Amino acid sequence: MPIDPKRLRQLRKERRLTRSELAIKSRISVRTIARFESETAPSTTPRERTVNEIAKALDIESGVLIGELPLPDAIERMRPESGQRRQVSAQLQSNASLAYALIKRRYGLGLTTLVNAAPLMFVLLAEGSFVWRREKAGEAREAANYLRGLGLGNSKFWIAASHAEDGAADEERTINRRDLFAEELIKQDEWEETYNPYQHNPFADYLRALAEKIDDPDIVKIGEDIEDRGPLKNFPDFEICNDDVKDFTGEDDRLSSALRMGWLRADSIPEDLLADDALEKRREWLEEQIPEEAKELLEQLMSLDLGPSEASGGESDR
């Protein structure tokens, strides 16, 4: 099967390689690479060694070049100080590129910094949630002792105290096992009617508690629903930097929805259109970038009077 010219060209540009640089890395001539990238040149089936050498130079499987495998969802090519390159691939939510652009706009941090800092940030959040949960378990034990200390003969107080202590013990056990989402507890039969894993888990509740301390939904807003599949399984839905989205679109709900749903990319807006006095031109440019197939869906969303928050999340079918 011939090399897909569009894929080869896209992959080379994503890796910021010229044809000459790719030729050097793959030991394939510039003329041959140019021919493989040309959509007008007669299609020929390259030798397996040629495909393998180009794929190796691009850090991909050879099947990607000929269309047998999907394109990697590349986040970014990172060039450390040593000069080595590495590709980070991940399944991205539709609004991930918007989130990265908003973070860069608010805090001045680029994608490479965010990707490299992500392990530190996540460990801090995870371990912080365990500390928070231990504190809550301790409060449950104190409440149980208080109920017993009332000295009342009503058995319901003693039953409540016993349940609180059992819950604290279960919580501490899952913390010791680093069960971030308390999935072990959620699987227990007695939790089915009292605990909804599609709305709560300890980590999601911890994130909500942090958001409440910030107390500014225009900076971070944690939603009620929990993802049950995909790259953010067990995480709550969220929105960040809503004020910046409004700045991008001039509070245009239609364009805001298109940004949040991934039909528009904030990081692709030309630099000269990001100025405060370029709002009208920026809105015109964004309108032109909306794919035709998305415009009808947007009109339907707007006719239902859904704002960008509801449009990007919607009601849960769980």
C-alpha atoms as a PDB file:
ATOM      1  CA  MET A   1       0.000   0.000   0.000  1.00  0.00           C
ATOM      2  CA  PRO A   2       1.375   3.470  -0.886  1.00  0.00           C
ATOM      3  CA  ILE A   3       2.301   6.012   1.769  1.00  0.00           C
ATOM      4  CA  ASP A   4      -0.552   8.420   2.485  1.00  0.00           C
ATOM      5  CA  PRO A   5       0.812  11.820   1.332  1.00  0.00           C
ATOM      6  CA  LYS A   6      -1.385  13.860   3.678  1.00  0.00           C
ATOM      7  CA  ARG A   7      -0.343  11.784   6.668  1.00  0.00           C
ATOM      8  CA  LEU A   8       3.342  11.977   5.865  1.00  0.00           C
ATOM      9  CA  ARG A   9       3.178  15.737   5.391  1.00  0.00           C
ATOM     10  CA  GLN A  10       1.158  16.222   8.590  1.00  0.00           C
ATOM     11  CA  LEU A  11       3.429  14.019  10.698  1.00  0.00           C
ATOM     12  CA  ARG A  12       6.580  15.692   9.391  1.00  0.00           C
ATOM     13  CA  LYS A  13       5.229  19.176  10.148  1.00  0.00           C
ATOM     14  CA  GLU A  14       4.022  18.146  13.620  1.00  0.00           C
ATOM     15  CA  ARG A  15       7.588  17.098  14.339  1.00  0.00           C
ATOM     16  CA  ARG A  16       8.871  20.388  12.947  1.00  0.00           C
ATOM     17  CA  LEU A  17      11.077  18.677  10.403  1.00  0.00           C
ATOM     18  CA  THR A  18      11.931  19.981   6.965  1.00  0.00           C
ATOM     19  CA  ARG A  19      12.091  17.509   4.122  1.00  0.00           C
ATOM     20  CA  SER A  20      15.851  17.740   4.236  1.00  0.00           C
ATOM     21  CA  GLU A  21      15.929  16.982   7.968  1.00  0.00           C
ATOM     22  CA  LEU A  22      13.612  14.021   7.511  1.00  0.00           C
ATOM     23  CA  ALA A  23      15.784  12.810   4.631  1.00  0.00           C
ATOM     24  CA  ILE A  24      18.863  12.872   6.852  1.00  0.00           C
ATOM     25  CA  LYS A  25      17.115  11.063   9.710  1.00  0.00           C
ATOM     26  CA  SER A  26      15.548   8.403   7.492  1.00  0.00           C
ATOM     27  CA  ARG A  27      18.426   8.084   4.997  1.00  0.00           C
ATOM     28  CA  ILE A  28      15.866   8.479   2.213  1.00  0.00           C
ATOM     29  CA  SER A  29      16.443  11.091  -0.469  1.00  0.00           C
ATOM     30  CA  VAL A  30      14.684  14.470  -0.361  1.00  0.00           C
ATOM     31  CA  ARG A  31      13.344  13.826  -3.858  1.00  0.00           C
ATOM     32  CA  THR A  32      11.747  10.542  -2.730  1.00  0.00           C
ATOM     33  CA  ILE A  33      10.155  12.146   0.326  1.00  0.00           C
ATOM     34  CA  ALA A  34       8.826  14.999  -1.807  1.00  0.00           C
ATOM     35  CA  ARG A  35       7.319  12.428  -4.179  1.00  0.00           C
ATOM     36  CA  PHE A  36       5.653  10.559  -1.293  1.00  0.00           C
ATOM     37  CA  GLU A  37       4.172  13.829  -0.014  1.00  0.00           C
ATOM     38  CA  SER A  38       2.867  14.907  -3.400  1.00  0.00           C
ATOM     39  CA  GLU A  39      -0.792  14.170  -4.038  1.00  0.00           C
ATOM     40  CA  THR A  40      -0.356  14.730  -7.765  1.00  0.00           C
ATOM     41  CA  ALA A  41       2.596  12.392  -8.274  1.00  0.00           C
ATOM     42  CA  PRO A  42       1.777   8.897  -9.567  1.00  0.00           C
ATOM     43  CA  SER A  43       1.212   6.579  -6.603  1.00  0.00           C
ATOM     44  CA  THR A  44       3.769   3.832  -6.202  1.00  0.00           C
ATOM     45  CA  THR A  45       4.152   1.141  -3.576  1.00  0.00           C
ATOM     46  CA  PRO A  46       7.401   1.828  -1.717  1.00  0.00           C
ATOM     47  CA  ARG A  47       9.650  -0.913  -0.469  1.00  0.00           C
ATOM     48  CA  GLU A  48       8.996  -2.078   3.085  1.00  0.00           C
ATOM     49  CA  ARG A  49      12.443  -0.904   4.177  1.00  0.00           C
ATOM     50  CA  THR A  50      11.704   2.603   2.917  1.00  0.00           C
ATOM     51  CA  VAL A  51       8.422   2.811   4.860  1.00  0.00           C
ATOM     52  CA  ASN A  52      10.105   1.456   7.984  1.00  0.00           C
ATOM     53  CA  GLU A  53      12.973   3.962   7.801  1.00  0.00           C
ATOM     54  CA  ILE A  54      10.642   6.941   7.414  1.00  0.00           C
ATOM     55  CA  ALA A  55       8.393   5.671  10.210  1.00  0.00           C
ATOM     56  CA  LYS A  56      11.395   5.195  12.479  1.00  0.00           C
ATOM     57  CA  ALA A  57      12.551   8.741  11.778  1.00  0.00           C
ATOM     58  CA  LEU A  58       9.064  10.015  12.698  1.00  0.00           C
ATOM     59  CA  ASP A  59       8.817   7.831  15.840  1.00  0.00           C
ATOM     60  CA  ILE A  60       5.662   6.047  14.680  1.00  0.00           C
ATOM     61  CA  GLU A  61       4.566   2.612  13.534  1.00  0.00           C
ATOM     62  CA  SER A  62       4.910   2.009   9.810  1.00  0.00           C
ATOM     63  CA  GLY A  63       1.186   1.206   9.639  1.00  0.00           C
ATOM     64  CA  VAL A  64       0.390   4.835  10.453  1.00  0.00           C
ATOM     65  CA  LEU A  65       2.045   6.005   7.233  1.00  0.00           C
ATOM     66  CA  ILE A  66       0.053   3.683   4.999  1.00  0.00           C
ATOM     67  CA  GLY A  67      -3.274   4.139   6.771  1.00  0.00           C
ATOM     68  CA  GLU A  68      -3.502   0.782   8.534  1.00  0.00           C
ATOM     69  CA  LEU A  69      -3.184   2.398  11.963  1.00  0.00           C
ATOM     70  CA  PRO A  70      -4.789   5.623  13.248  1.00  0.00           C
ATOM     71  CA  LEU A  71      -2.805   8.796  13.568  1.00  0.00           C
ATOM     72  CA  PRO A  72      -1.326   9.308  17.019  1.00  0.00           C
ATOM     73  CA  ASP A  73      -3.132  12.024  18.947  1.00  0.00           C
ATOM     74  CA  ALA A  74       0.056  13.981  19.566  1.00  0.00           C
ATOM     75  CA  ILE A  75       0.013  16.574  22.320  1.00  0.00           C
ATOM     76  CA  GLU A  76       3.343  18.109  21.526  1.00  0.00           C
ATOM     77  CA  ARG A  77       6.920  17.446  20.489  1.00  0.00           C
ATOM     78  CA  MET A  78       9.099  18.300  23.428  1.00  0.00           C
ATOM     79  CA  ARG A  79      12.716  19.284  22.964  1.00  0.00           C
ATOM     80  CA  PRO A  80      14.673  19.043  26.235  1.00  0.00           C
ATOM     81  CA  GLU A  81      17.907  20.909  26.701  1.00  0.00           C
ATOM     82  CA  SER A  82      19.810  17.823  25.613  1.00  0.00           C
ATOM     83  CA  GLY A  83      18.268  18.250  22.162  1.00  0.00           C
ATOM     84  CA  GLN A  84      16.433  14.922  22.245  1.00  0.00           C
ATOM     85  CA  ARG A  85      12.815  14.816  21.181  1.00  0.00           C
ATOM     86  CA  ARG A  86       9.968  12.841  22.560  1.00  0.00           C
ATOM     87  CA  GLN A  87       6.370  12.545  21.435  1.00  0.00           C
ATOM     88  CA  VAL A  88       3.597  12.578  24.002  1.00  0.00           C
ATOM     89  CA  SER A  89       0.426  10.908  22.778  1.00  0.00           C
ATOM     90  CA  ALA A  90      -2.886  10.759  24.584  1.00  0.00           C
ATOM     91  CA  GLN A  91      -6.608  10.553  24.050  1.00  0.00           C
ATOM     92  CA  LEU A  92      -7.733  14.164  24.408  1.00  0.00           C
ATOM     93  CA  GLN A  93     -11.118  15.500  25.394  1.00  0.00           C
ATOM     94  CA  SER A  94     -12.688  17.708  22.723  1.00  0.00           C
ATOM     95  CA  ASN A  95     -12.109  20.862  24.748  1.00  0.00           C
ATOM     96  CA  ALA A  96      -8.552  20.006  25.865  1.00  0.00           C
ATOM     97  CA  SER A  97      -6.877  22.367  23.424  1.00  0.00           C
ATOM     98  CA  LEU A  98      -9.099  25.175  24.728  1.00  0.00           C
ATOM     99  CA  ALA A  99      -8.060  24.381  28.306  1.00  0.00           C
ATOM    100  CA  TYR A 100      -4.368  24.547  27.392  1.00  0.00           C
ATOM    101  CA  ALA A 101      -4.869  27.849  25.590  1.00  0.00           C
ATOM    102  CA  LEU A 102      -6.760  29.309  28.563  1.00  0.00           C
ATOM    103  CA  ILE A 103      -4.069  28.231  31.020  1.00  0.00           C
ATOM    104  CA  LYS A 104      -1.383  29.755  28.836  1.00  0.00           C
ATOM    105  CA  ARG A 105      -3.347  33.005  28.587  1.00  0.00           C
ATOM    106  CA  ARG A 106      -3.960  33.283  32.335  1.00  0.00           C
ATOM    107  CA  TYR A 107      -0.679  31.959  33.743  1.00  0.00           C
ATOM    108  CA  GLY A 108       1.772  32.243  30.846  1.00  0.00           C
ATOM    109  CA  LEU A 109       2.644  28.520  30.869  1.00  0.00           C
ATOM    110  CA  GLY A 110       3.067  26.634  27.612  1.00  0.00           C
ATOM    111  CA  LEU A 111       1.989  23.077  26.865  1.00  0.00           C
ATOM    112  CA  THR A 112       5.469  21.616  27.314  1.00  0.00           C
ATOM    113  CA  THR A 113       5.660  22.997  30.858  1.00  0.00           C
ATOM    114  CA  LEU A 114       2.181  21.701  31.698  1.00  0.00           C
ATOM    115  CA  VAL A 115       2.880  18.214  30.383  1.00  0.00           C
ATOM    116  CA  ASN A 116       6.168  17.966  32.278  1.00  0.00           C
ATOM    117  CA  ALA A 117       4.637  19.370  35.478  1.00  0.00           C
ATOM    118  CA  ALA A 118       1.556  17.122  35.332  1.00  0.00           C
ATOM    119  CA  PRO A 119       3.065  14.246  37.396  1.00  0.00           C
ATOM    120  CA  LEU A 120       3.971  16.629  40.239  1.00  0.00           C
ATOM    121  CA  MET A 121       0.557  18.303  40.172  1.00  0.00           C
ATOM    122  CA  PHE A 122      -1.320  15.016  40.152  1.00  0.00           C
ATOM    123  CA  VAL A 123       0.687  13.448  42.984  1.00  0.00           C
ATOM    124  CA  LEU A 124       0.069  16.551  45.096  1.00  0.00           C
ATOM    125  CA  LEU A 125      -3.667  16.366  44.384  1.00  0.00           C
ATOM    126  CA  ALA A 126      -3.870  12.617  45.001  1.00  0.00           C
ATOM    127  CA  GLU A 127      -1.939  12.713  48.271  1.00  0.00           C
ATOM    128  CA  GLY A 128      -3.805  15.864  49.309  1.00  0.00           C
ATOM    129  CA  SER A 129      -7.073  13.984  48.816  1.00  0.00           C
ATOM    130  CA  PHE A 130      -5.841  11.185  51.094  1.00  0.00           C
ATOM    131  CA  VAL A 131      -4.954  13.714  53.819  1.00  0.00           C
ATOM    132  CA  TRP A 132      -8.406  15.318  53.414  1.00  0.00           C
ATOM    133  CA  ARG A 133     -10.139  11.933  53.607  1.00  0.00           C
ATOM    134  CA  ARG A 134      -8.238  10.958  56.761  1.00  0.00           C
ATOM    135  CA  GLU A 135      -9.377  14.185  58.353  1.00  0.00           C
ATOM    136  CA  LYS A 136     -12.997  13.435  57.389  1.00  0.00           C
ATOM    137  CA  ALA A 137     -12.706   9.882  58.762  1.00  0.00           C
ATOM    138  CA  GLY A 138     -11.393  11.347  62.006  1.00  0.00           C
ATOM    139  CA  GLU A 139     -14.342  13.711  62.167  1.00  0.00           C
ATOM    140  CA  ALA A 140     -16.679  10.736  61.681  1.00  0.00           C
ATOM    141  CA  ARG A 141     -15.091   8.948  64.643  1.00  0.00           C
ATOM    142  CA  GLU A 142     -15.432  12.086  66.773  1.00  0.00           C
ATOM    143  CA  ALA A 143     -19.112  12.309  65.801  1.00  0.00           C
ATOM    144  CA  ALA A 144     -19.604   8.643  66.793  1.00  0.00           C
ATOM    145  CA  ASN A 145     -17.996   9.261  70.181  1.00  0.00           C
ATOM    146  CA  TYR A 146     -20.181  12.325  70.645  1.00  0.00           C
ATOM    147  CA  LEU A 147     -23.353  10.331  69.961  1.00  0.00           C
ATOM    148  CA  ARG A 148     -22.348   7.649  72.428  1.00  0.00           C
ATOM    149  CA  GLY A 149     -21.363  10.286  74.969  1.00  0.00           C
ATOM    150  CA  LEU A 150     -24.873  11.734  74.983  1.00  0.00           C
ATOM    151  CA  GLY A 151     -25.913   8.835  77.172  1.00  0.00           C
ATOM    152  CA  LEU A 152     -29.277   8.483  75.480  1.00  0.00           C
ATOM    153  CA  GLY A 153     -30.980   5.132  75.385  1.00  0.00           C
ATOM    154  CA  ASN A 154     -32.379   5.581  71.878  1.00  0.00           C
ATOM    155  CA  SER A 155     -30.871   2.735  69.867  1.00  0.00           C
ATOM    156  CA  LYS A 156     -30.820   4.815  66.663  1.00  0.00           C
ATOM    157  CA  PHE A 157     -28.048   6.990  68.116  1.00  0.00           C
ATOM    158  CA  TRP A 158     -25.954   3.903  68.843  1.00  0.00           C
ATOM    159  CA  ILE A 159     -26.657   2.471  65.384  1.00  0.00           C
ATOM    160  CA  ALA A 160     -25.647   5.783  63.778  1.00  0.00           C
ATOM    161  CA  ALA A 161     -22.474   5.847  65.856  1.00  0.00           C
ATOM    162  CA  SER A 162     -21.645   2.289  64.819  1.00  0.00           C
ATOM    163  CA  HIS A 163     -22.214   3.098  61.144  1.00  0.00           C
ATOM    164  CA  ALA A 164     -20.007   6.186  61.405  1.00  0.00           C
ATOM    165  CA  GLU A 165     -17.170   4.146  62.903  1.00  0.00           C
ATOM    166  CA  ASP A 166     -17.561   1.406  60.301  1.00  0.00           C
ATOM    167  CA  GLY A 167     -17.501   4.021  57.541  1.00  0.00           C
ATOM    168  CA  ALA A 168     -14.374   5.635  58.985  1.00  0.00           C
ATOM    169  CA  ALA A 169     -12.661   2.240  59.150  1.00  0.00           C
ATOM    170  CA  ASP A 170     -13.607   1.436  55.546  1.00  0.00           C
ATOM    171  CA  GLU A 171     -12.378   4.843  54.408  1.00  0.00           C
ATOM    172  CA  GLU A 172      -9.038   4.467  56.185  1.00  0.00           C
ATOM    173  CA  ARG A 173      -8.574   1.005  54.689  1.00  0.00           C
ATOM    174  CA  THR A 174      -9.084   2.267  51.121  1.00  0.00           C
ATOM    175  CA  ILE A 175      -6.736   5.195  51.794  1.00  0.00           C
ATOM    176  CA  ASN A 176      -4.021   2.802  52.976  1.00  0.00           C
ATOM    177  CA  ARG A 177      -4.480   0.892  49.720  1.00  0.00           C
ATOM    178  CA  ARG A 178      -4.229   4.111  47.688  1.00  0.00           C
ATOM    179  CA  ASP A 179      -7.741   3.533  46.319  1.00  0.00           C
ATOM    180  CA  LEU A 180      -8.058   7.038  44.885  1.00  0.00           C
ATOM    181  CA  PHE A 181     -11.712   6.784  43.880  1.00  0.00           C
ATOM    182  CA  ALA A 182     -12.807   4.361  46.655  1.00  0.00           C
ATOM    183  CA  GLU A 183     -13.870   1.901  43.970  1.00  0.00           C
ATOM    184  CA  GLU A 184     -13.578  -0.954  46.456  1.00  0.00           C
ATOM    185  CA  LEU A 185     -16.295   0.626  48.602  1.00  0.00           C
ATOM    186  CA  ILE A 186     -18.519   1.530  45.662  1.00  0.00           C
ATOM    187  CA  LYS A 187     -18.642  -2.154  44.678  1.00  0.00           C
ATOM    188  CA  GLN A 188     -20.080  -3.134  48.046  1.00  0.00           C
ATOM    189  CA  ASP A 189     -23.774  -3.992  47.859  1.00  0.00           C
ATOM    190  CA  GLU A 190     -24.788  -1.801  50.784  1.00  0.00           C
ATOM    191  CA  TRP A 191     -23.533   1.304  48.960  1.00  0.00           C
ATOM    192  CA  GLU A 192     -25.756   0.903  45.914  1.00  0.00           C
ATOM    193  CA  GLU A 193     -28.687   2.905  47.313  1.00  0.00           C
ATOM    194  CA  THR A 194     -26.712   5.432  49.362  1.00  0.00           C
ATOM    195  CA  TYR A 195     -23.788   6.301  47.113  1.00  0.00           C
ATOM    196  CA  ASN A 196     -23.974   7.243  43.442  1.00  0.00           C
ATOM    197  CA  PRO A 197     -20.575   6.747  41.760  1.00  0.00           C
ATOM    198  CA  TYR A 198     -21.778   8.847  38.812  1.00  0.00           C
ATOM    199  CA  GLN A 199     -22.065  11.896  41.056  1.00  0.00           C
ATOM    200  CA  HIS A 200     -19.577  11.247  43.853  1.00  0.00           C
ATOM    201  CA  ASN A 201     -16.280   9.668  44.701  1.00  0.00           C
ATOM    202  CA  PRO A 202     -13.773  10.874  47.297  1.00  0.00           C
ATOM    203  CA  PHE A 203     -11.346  12.363  44.784  1.00  0.00           C
ATOM    204  CA  ALA A 204     -14.103  14.268  42.968  1.00  0.00           C
ATOM    205  CA  ASP A 205     -15.457  15.519  46.293  1.00  0.00           C
ATOM    206  CA  TYR A 206     -11.953  16.707  47.220  1.00  0.00           C
ATOM    207  CA  LEU A 207     -11.682  18.648  43.945  1.00  0.00           C
ATOM    208  CA  ARG A 208     -15.070  20.217  44.641  1.00  0.00           C
ATOM    209  CA  ALA A 209     -13.872  21.217  48.120  1.00  0.00           C
ATOM    210  CA  LEU A 210     -10.812  22.906  46.606  1.00  0.00           C
ATOM    211  CA  ALA A 211     -12.982  24.727  44.075  1.00  0.00           C
ATOM    212  CA  GLU A 212     -15.236  25.942  46.888  1.00  0.00           C
ATOM    213  CA  LYS A 213     -12.212  27.439  48.644  1.00  0.00           C
ATOM    214  CA  ILE A 214     -11.333  29.369  45.474  1.00  0.00           C
ATOM    215  CA  ASP A 215     -14.994  30.430  45.356  1.00  0.00           C
ATOM    216  CA  ASP A 216     -14.834  31.794  41.824  1.00  0.00           C
ATOM    217  CA  PRO A 217     -16.664  29.770  39.113  1.00  0.00           C
ATOM    218  CA  ASP A 218     -15.130  32.015  36.472  1.00  0.00           C
ATOM    219  CA  ILE A 219     -11.740  30.493  37.364  1.00  0.00           C
ATOM    220  CA  VAL A 220     -12.721  26.890  38.094  1.00  0.00           C
ATOM    221  CA  LYS A 221     -16.104  25.200  38.260  1.00  0.00           C
ATOM    222  CA  ILE A 222     -16.504  21.522  39.159  1.00  0.00           C
ATOM    223  CA  GLY A 223     -19.727  19.957  37.873  1.00  0.00           C
ATOM    224  CA  GLU A 224     -22.053  17.366  39.391  1.00  0.00           C
ATOM    225  CA  ASP A 225     -21.503  14.483  36.975  1.00  0.00           C
ATOM    226  CA  ILE A 226     -18.664  11.953  37.021  1.00  0.00           C
ATOM    227  CA  GLU A 227     -17.204  10.547  33.803  1.00  0.00           C
ATOM    228  CA  ASP A 228     -17.728   6.786  33.607  1.00  0.00           C
ATOM    229  CA  ARG A 229     -15.547   6.218  30.560  1.00  0.00           C
ATOM    230  CA  GLY A 230     -12.899   7.877  28.417  1.00  0.00           C
ATOM    231  CA  PRO A 231      -9.633   9.598  29.368  1.00  0.00           C
ATOM    232  CA  LEU A 232     -11.099  11.237  32.492  1.00  0.00           C
ATOM    233  CA  LYS A 233     -12.924   8.229  33.914  1.00  0.00           C
ATOM    234  CA  ASN A 234     -13.977   8.851  37.547  1.00  0.00           C
ATOM    235  CA  PHE A 235     -13.214  12.582  37.256  1.00  0.00           C
ATOM    236  CA  PRO A 236     -15.918  15.233  37.586  1.00  0.00           C
ATOM    237  CA  ASP A 237     -16.765  17.448  34.633  1.00  0.00           C
ATOM    238  CA  PHE A 238     -15.208  20.876  34.949  1.00  0.00           C
ATOM    239  CA  GLU A 239     -14.810  24.287  33.375  1.00  0.00           C
ATOM    240  CA  ILE A 240     -11.857  26.632  33.776  1.00  0.00           C
ATOM    241  CA  CYS A 241     -11.188  30.286  33.018  1.00  0.00           C
ATOM    242  CA  ASN A 242     -14.722  31.123  31.888  1.00  0.00           C
ATOM    243  CA  ASP A 243     -13.868  34.828  31.872  1.00  0.00           C
ATOM    244  CA  ASP A 244     -11.160  34.186  29.294  1.00  0.00           C
ATOM    245  CA  VAL A 245     -13.601  32.317  27.054  1.00  0.00           C
ATOM    246  CA  LYS A 246     -15.875  35.352  27.244  1.00  0.00           C
ATOM    247  CA  ASP A 247     -12.924  37.540  26.270  1.00  0.00           C
ATOM    248  CA  PHE A 248     -12.200  35.331  23.266  1.00  0.00           C
ATOM    249  CA  THR A 249     -15.775  35.509  22.005  1.00  0.00           C
ATOM    250  CA  GLY A 250     -17.149  38.779  23.381  1.00  0.00           C
ATOM    251  CA  GLU A 251     -19.649  36.739  25.455  1.00  0.00           C
ATOM    252  CA  ASP A 252     -21.013  35.130  22.297  1.00  0.00           C
ATOM    253  CA  ASP A 253     -22.657  31.887  23.514  1.00  0.00           C
ATOM    254  CA  ARG A 254     -22.564  30.337  20.058  1.00  0.00           C
ATOM    255  CA  LEU A 255     -18.812  30.811  19.639  1.00  0.00           C
ATOM    256  CA  SER A 256     -18.206  29.838  23.274  1.00  0.00           C
ATOM    257  CA  SER A 257     -20.045  26.561  22.696  1.00  0.00           C
ATOM    258  CA  ALA A 258     -18.024  25.912  19.534  1.00  0.00           C
ATOM    259  CA  LEU A 259     -14.790  26.459  21.500  1.00  0.00           C
ATOM    260  CA  ARG A 260     -15.806  24.229  24.390  1.00  0.00           C
ATOM    261  CA  MET A 261     -16.961  21.420  22.122  1.00  0.00           C
ATOM    262  CA  GLY A 262     -13.715  21.442  20.177  1.00  0.00           C
ATOM    263  CA  TRP A 263     -15.094  22.764  16.896  1.00  0.00           C
ATOM    264  CA  LEU A 264     -12.881  25.822  17.292  1.00  0.00           C
ATOM    265  CA  ARG A 265      -9.345  25.917  18.671  1.00  0.00           C
ATOM    266  CA  ALA A 266      -8.337  28.899  20.754  1.00  0.00           C
ATOM    267  CA  ASP A 267      -4.662  28.087  20.289  1.00  0.00           C
ATOM    268  CA  SER A 268      -5.022  28.578  16.532  1.00  0.00           C
ATOM    269  CA  ILE A 269      -6.217  32.197  16.748  1.00  0.00           C
ATOM    270  CA  PRO A 270      -3.645  34.435  15.007  1.00  0.00           C
ATOM    271  CA  GLU A 271      -1.605  36.599  17.368  1.00  0.00           C
ATOM    272  CA  ASP A 272      -2.795  39.838  15.765  1.00  0.00           C
ATOM    273  CA  LEU A 273      -6.401  38.915  16.607  1.00  0.00           C
ATOM    274  CA  LEU A 274      -5.791  38.385  20.326  1.00  0.00           C
ATOM    275  CA  ALA A 275      -5.602  42.081  21.205  1.00  0.00           C
ATOM    276  CA  ASP A 276      -8.465  43.579  23.217  1.00  0.00           C
ATOM    277  CA  ASP A 277      -9.358  45.979  20.393  1.00  0.00           C
ATOM    278  CA  ALA A 278      -9.538  43.161  17.818  1.00  0.00           C
ATOM    279  CA  LEU A 279     -12.722  41.564  19.151  1.00  0.00           C
ATOM    280  CA  GLU A 280     -14.878  42.028  16.059  1.00  0.00           C
ATOM    281  CA  LYS A 281     -12.209  40.721  13.710  1.00  0.00           C
ATOM    282  CA  ARG A 282     -11.566  37.825  16.088  1.00  0.00           C
ATOM    283  CA  ARG A 283     -15.247  36.919  16.144  1.00  0.00           C
ATOM    284  CA  GLU A 284     -15.441  37.077  12.359  1.00  0.00           C
ATOM    285  CA  TRP A 285     -12.371  34.845  12.098  1.00  0.00           C
ATOM    286  CA  LEU A 286     -13.786  32.327  14.588  1.00  0.00           C
ATOM    287  CA  GLU A 287     -17.099  32.239  12.744  1.00  0.00           C
ATOM    288  CA  GLU A 288     -15.306  31.402   9.507  1.00  0.00           C
ATOM    289  CA  GLN A 289     -13.467  28.494  11.170  1.00  0.00           C
ATOM    290  CA  ILE A 290     -16.573  26.624  12.340  1.00  0.00           C
ATOM    291  CA  PRO A 291     -16.908  23.453  10.232  1.00  0.00           C
ATOM    292  CA  GLU A 292     -20.024  23.317   8.081  1.00  0.00           C
ATOM    293  CA  GLU A 293     -21.172  20.073   9.699  1.00  0.00           C
ATOM    294  CA  ALA A 294     -21.028  21.737  13.138  1.00  0.00           C
ATOM    295  CA  LYS A 295     -23.065  24.828  12.250  1.00  0.00           C
ATOM    296  CA  GLU A 296     -26.398  22.993  12.154  1.00  0.00           C
ATOM    297  CA  LEU A 297     -25.703  21.367  15.534  1.00  0.00           C
ATOM    298  CA  LEU A 298     -24.812  24.760  16.982  1.00  0.00           C
ATOM    299  CA  GLU A 299     -28.065  26.237  15.714  1.00  0.00           C
ATOM    300  CA  GLN A 300     -29.967  23.410  17.396  1.00  0.00           C
ATOM    301  CA  LEU A 301     -28.132  24.020  20.667  1.00  0.00           C
ATOM    302  CA  MET A 302     -28.839  27.730  20.530  1.00  0.00           C
ATOM    303  CA  SER A 303     -32.512  27.123  19.744  1.00  0.00           C
ATOM    304  CA  LEU A 304     -32.702  25.056  22.932  1.00  0.00           C
ATOM    305  CA  ASP A 305     -31.236  28.042  24.787  1.00  0.00           C
ATOM    306  CA  LEU A 306     -28.259  26.033  26.031  1.00  0.00           C
ATOM    307  CA  GLY A 307     -25.297  28.068  27.187  1.00  0.00           C
ATOM    308  CA  PRO A 308     -21.711  26.937  26.675  1.00  0.00           C
ATOM    309  CA  SER A 309     -21.737  25.042  29.986  1.00  0.00           C
ATOM    310  CA  GLU A 310     -24.761  22.889  29.179  1.00  0.00           C
ATOM    311  CA  ALA A 311     -23.738  22.495  25.550  1.00  0.00           C
ATOM    312  CA  SER A 312     -20.331  21.080  26.429  1.00  0.00           C
ATOM    313  CA  GLY A 313     -21.640  18.758  29.106  1.00  0.00           C
ATOM    314  CA  GLY A 314     -25.343  18.207  28.777  1.00  0.00           C
ATOM    315  CA  GLU A 315     -27.608  16.178  31.040  1.00  0.00           C
ATOM    316  CA  SER A 316     -26.380  12.777  32.111  1.00  0.00           C
ATOM    317  CA  ASP A 317     -28.097   9.687  30.648  1.00  0.00           C
ATOM    318  CA  ARG A 318     -26.918   7.543  33.513  1.00  0.00           C
END
